[in-house]
Protein backbone atom coordinates (compact mmCIF):
# COMPACT_ATOMS: atom_id res chain seq x y z
CA MET A 1 90.52 88.91 91.28
CA VAL A 2 90.91 92.46 90.13
CA GLY A 3 93.83 93.53 91.88
CA ARG A 4 97.34 95.16 92.37
CA GLU A 5 100.74 93.90 92.93
CA PHE A 6 103.72 95.49 94.45
CA GLU A 7 107.41 94.06 94.35
CA VAL A 8 110.22 94.86 96.67
CA ALA A 9 113.49 93.74 95.14
CA ASP A 10 116.89 93.65 96.50
CA THR A 11 120.57 92.37 95.67
CA GLY A 12 121.23 91.20 99.17
CA ILE A 13 122.53 87.97 100.50
CA GLY A 14 119.38 86.04 99.25
CA MET A 15 117.92 82.75 101.05
CA ASP A 16 117.78 78.91 100.57
CA ALA A 17 114.50 77.17 100.39
CA THR A 18 114.33 76.29 104.02
CA THR A 19 114.78 79.69 105.11
CA VAL A 20 112.06 80.95 102.69
CA ALA A 21 109.67 78.32 103.69
CA ARG A 22 109.45 79.65 107.13
CA LEU A 23 109.69 83.31 106.58
CA PHE A 24 106.00 84.20 107.08
CA ARG A 25 105.40 82.35 110.15
CA PRO A 26 105.30 84.31 113.61
CA TYR A 27 108.33 84.93 115.51
CA THR A 28 110.74 83.69 113.11
CA GLN A 29 113.44 85.23 111.13
CA GLY A 30 115.62 84.59 108.21
CA GLY A 31 118.49 83.11 110.61
CA ALA A 32 120.36 83.60 113.80
CA ALA A 33 122.76 85.74 112.16
CA VAL A 34 119.90 88.09 111.06
CA SER A 35 118.07 88.40 114.24
CA ARG A 36 121.33 89.08 116.20
CA HIS A 37 122.41 91.87 113.75
CA PHE A 38 119.19 93.41 113.05
CA GLY A 39 116.87 92.60 115.91
CA GLY A 40 113.05 92.44 115.78
CA THR A 41 110.56 89.91 116.89
CA GLY A 42 109.92 88.35 113.46
CA LEU A 43 106.35 89.64 113.17
CA GLY A 44 106.61 91.77 110.26
CA LEU A 45 106.21 89.27 107.48
CA TYR A 46 103.67 87.50 109.39
CA ILE A 47 101.43 90.69 109.93
CA ALA A 48 101.93 91.73 106.31
CA ARG A 49 100.62 88.14 105.26
CA GLN A 50 97.60 88.74 107.12
CA LEU A 51 96.57 92.11 106.20
CA ALA A 52 97.31 91.10 102.45
CA MET A 53 95.03 87.78 103.09
CA MET A 54 92.33 90.14 104.65
CA MET A 55 92.37 92.23 101.37
CA GLY A 56 91.85 89.12 99.25
CA GLY A 57 95.31 88.74 98.35
CA ASP A 58 98.79 87.34 99.61
CA ASN A 59 102.50 87.77 100.06
CA SER A 60 105.23 85.58 98.67
CA VAL A 61 108.99 85.73 98.00
CA ALA A 62 111.42 84.42 95.53
CA SER A 63 115.02 84.13 96.57
CA THR A 64 118.41 82.80 95.32
CA PRO A 65 121.29 82.73 97.76
CA GLY A 66 123.95 85.12 96.72
CA GLU A 67 122.09 87.15 94.39
CA GLY A 68 118.97 88.50 96.34
CA SER A 69 115.18 88.49 97.18
CA THR A 70 112.12 89.65 95.58
CA PHE A 71 108.94 89.96 97.91
CA THR A 72 105.68 90.46 96.20
CA VAL A 73 102.31 91.72 97.71
CA GLN A 74 98.88 90.95 95.72
CA VAL A 75 95.76 92.82 97.18
CA ASP A 76 92.24 92.77 95.56
CA THR A 77 91.06 96.20 94.51
CA SER A 78 87.78 95.29 93.25
CA CYS A 79 84.56 97.01 94.69
CA GLY A 80 82.19 94.15 94.95
């Protein structure tokens, strides 16, 4: 794959492995406290992953509780 990779990092609360495992599923969010505070339907990361996959790539996240998270998007930019 000839592609591009984009990263977005934060120094927020971070997430444990259980939370990260369900992030890209439809209608799920990081946790009840997050959804109560910020709202939303839990579709954003699911849709972002579907779009990246349609472009031959994927989305991923690396996170450490108490330190923050880094979200990565890869897309195929080849013309063939």
